[in-house]
Amino acid sequence: MDALYGKGGLPFWTEREITIREQAIVRLHQAVSGALIGLNSAWSFQRVEGPLLTPRQYISPAYDDSDIFMLQAKLG
């Protein structure tokens, strides 16, 4: 993972890193879901994705600025 731009500190991943991450997701999901469903068939798994940049007002107030990455500079 490289930060290609100094402004915003947004990370960028190579194709290889993305593939490795996706493989890890599949393997972990199979291991965890298989074990839990084996114990109780009522388990259900849903995969969801959220936006990478979320306005602060939409993030739970339970999280303070030390818990999340905050983009301080106004872009544009």
C-alpha atoms as a PDB file:
ATOM      1  CA  MET A   1       0.000   0.000   0.000  1.00  0.00           C
ATOM      2  CA  ASP A   2       1.413   3.360  -1.011  1.00  0.00           C
ATOM      3  CA  ALA A   3       0.218   6.885  -0.362  1.00  0.00           C
ATOM      4  CA  LEU A   4       0.614   8.289  -3.864  1.00  0.00           C
ATOM      5  CA  TYR A   5      -0.499  11.794  -2.968  1.00  0.00           C
ATOM      6  CA  GLY A   6       0.551  13.846   0.044  1.00  0.00           C
ATOM      7  CA  LYS A   7      -2.792  15.617   0.316  1.00  0.00           C
ATOM      8  CA  GLY A   8      -5.457  13.671   2.123  1.00  0.00           C
ATOM      9  CA  GLY A   9      -3.219  10.701   2.880  1.00  0.00           C
ATOM     10  CA  LEU A  10      -5.493   8.372   0.921  1.00  0.00           C
ATOM     11  CA  PRO A  11      -4.034   4.881   0.436  1.00  0.00           C
ATOM     12  CA  PHE A  12      -3.781   3.176  -2.935  1.00  0.00           C
ATOM     13  CA  TRP A  13      -3.354  -0.575  -3.430  1.00  0.00           C
ATOM     14  CA  THR A  14      -1.741  -2.478  -6.280  1.00  0.00           C
ATOM     15  CA  GLU A  15      -3.631  -5.161  -8.211  1.00  0.00           C
ATOM     16  CA  ARG A  16      -1.624  -7.832  -6.367  1.00  0.00           C
ATOM     17  CA  GLU A  17      -2.499  -6.369  -2.963  1.00  0.00           C
ATOM     18  CA  ILE A  18      -6.184  -6.208  -3.903  1.00  0.00           C
ATOM     19  CA  THR A  19      -6.125  -9.863  -4.989  1.00  0.00           C
ATOM     20  CA  ILE A  20      -4.440 -10.931  -1.733  1.00  0.00           C
ATOM     21  CA  ARG A  21      -6.994  -8.962   0.300  1.00  0.00           C
ATOM     22  CA  GLU A  22      -9.924 -10.519  -1.603  1.00  0.00           C
ATOM     23  CA  GLN A  23      -8.497 -14.023  -1.106  1.00  0.00           C
ATOM     24  CA  ALA A  24      -8.139 -13.364   2.626  1.00  0.00           C
ATOM     25  CA  ILE A  25     -11.765 -12.201   2.791  1.00  0.00           C
ATOM     26  CA  VAL A  26     -12.982 -15.394   1.091  1.00  0.00           C
ATOM     27  CA  ARG A  27     -10.878 -17.692   3.284  1.00  0.00           C
ATOM     28  CA  LEU A  28     -11.830 -15.975   6.540  1.00  0.00           C
ATOM     29  CA  HIS A  29     -15.510 -15.970   5.584  1.00  0.00           C
ATOM     30  CA  GLN A  30     -15.415 -19.675   4.762  1.00  0.00           C
ATOM     31  CA  ALA A  31     -13.636 -20.552   8.011  1.00  0.00           C
ATOM     32  CA  VAL A  32     -15.803 -18.437  10.306  1.00  0.00           C
ATOM     33  CA  SER A  33     -19.158 -19.069   8.631  1.00  0.00           C
ATOM     34  CA  GLY A  34     -18.490 -22.794   8.314  1.00  0.00           C
ATOM     35  CA  ALA A  35     -17.669 -23.095  12.007  1.00  0.00           C
ATOM     36  CA  LEU A  36     -20.617 -21.013  13.194  1.00  0.00           C
ATOM     37  CA  ILE A  37     -23.190 -22.557  10.866  1.00  0.00           C
ATOM     38  CA  GLY A  38     -21.928 -25.969  11.985  1.00  0.00           C
ATOM     39  CA  LEU A  39     -22.796 -24.988  15.565  1.00  0.00           C
ATOM     40  CA  ASN A  40     -26.087 -23.270  14.769  1.00  0.00           C
ATOM     41  CA  SER A  41     -27.742 -23.249  11.342  1.00  0.00           C
ATOM     42  CA  ALA A  42     -29.555 -20.010  12.211  1.00  0.00           C
ATOM     43  CA  TRP A  43     -26.382 -18.026  11.516  1.00  0.00           C
ATOM     44  CA  SER A  44     -26.628 -15.833   8.431  1.00  0.00           C
ATOM     45  CA  PHE A  45     -23.918 -13.746   6.810  1.00  0.00           C
ATOM     46  CA  GLN A  46     -24.390 -10.656   4.646  1.00  0.00           C
ATOM     47  CA  ARG A  47     -21.585  -8.730   3.002  1.00  0.00           C
ATOM     48  CA  VAL A  48     -22.038  -4.970   2.792  1.00  0.00           C
ATOM     49  CA  GLU A  49     -19.785  -2.109   1.772  1.00  0.00           C
ATOM     50  CA  GLY A  50     -19.914   1.523   2.742  1.00  0.00           C
ATOM     51  CA  PRO A  51     -18.433   4.593   1.109  1.00  0.00           C
ATOM     52  CA  LEU A  52     -14.726   5.131   1.643  1.00  0.00           C
ATOM     53  CA  LEU A  53     -15.206   8.779   2.536  1.00  0.00           C
ATOM     54  CA  THR A  54     -18.163   9.397   4.839  1.00  0.00           C
ATOM     55  CA  PRO A  55     -19.209  12.846   6.090  1.00  0.00           C
ATOM     56  CA  ARG A  56     -18.548  13.130   9.842  1.00  0.00           C
ATOM     57  CA  GLN A  57     -22.219  13.777  10.635  1.00  0.00           C
ATOM     58  CA  TYR A  58     -23.110  10.277   9.353  1.00  0.00           C
ATOM     59  CA  ILE A  59     -20.640   8.519  11.674  1.00  0.00           C
ATOM     60  CA  SER A  60     -21.912   7.442  15.088  1.00  0.00           C
ATOM     61  CA  PRO A  61     -21.076   9.919  17.860  1.00  0.00           C
ATOM     62  CA  ALA A  62     -19.768   6.897  19.789  1.00  0.00           C
ATOM     63  CA  TYR A  63     -16.614   7.299  17.670  1.00  0.00           C
ATOM     64  CA  ASP A  64     -14.409  10.294  18.389  1.00  0.00           C
ATOM     65  CA  ASP A  65     -11.777  11.717  16.058  1.00  0.00           C
ATOM     66  CA  SER A  66      -9.079   9.455  17.540  1.00  0.00           C
ATOM     67  CA  ASP A  67     -11.055   6.364  16.417  1.00  0.00           C
ATOM     68  CA  ILE A  68     -11.321   7.298  12.745  1.00  0.00           C
ATOM     69  CA  PHE A  69      -9.183   8.878  10.035  1.00  0.00           C
ATOM     70  CA  MET A  70     -10.297  12.467   9.512  1.00  0.00           C
ATOM     71  CA  LEU A  71      -9.615  14.301   6.276  1.00  0.00           C
ATOM     72  CA  GLN A  72      -8.775  17.777   7.542  1.00  0.00           C
ATOM     73  CA  ALA A  73      -7.925  19.633   4.339  1.00  0.00           C
ATOM     74  CA  LYS A  74     -10.693  20.823   2.057  1.00  0.00           C
ATOM     75  CA  LEU A  75     -10.155  19.355  -1.380  1.00  0.00           C
ATOM     76  CA  GLY A  76     -10.831  21.236  -4.557  1.00  0.00           C
END
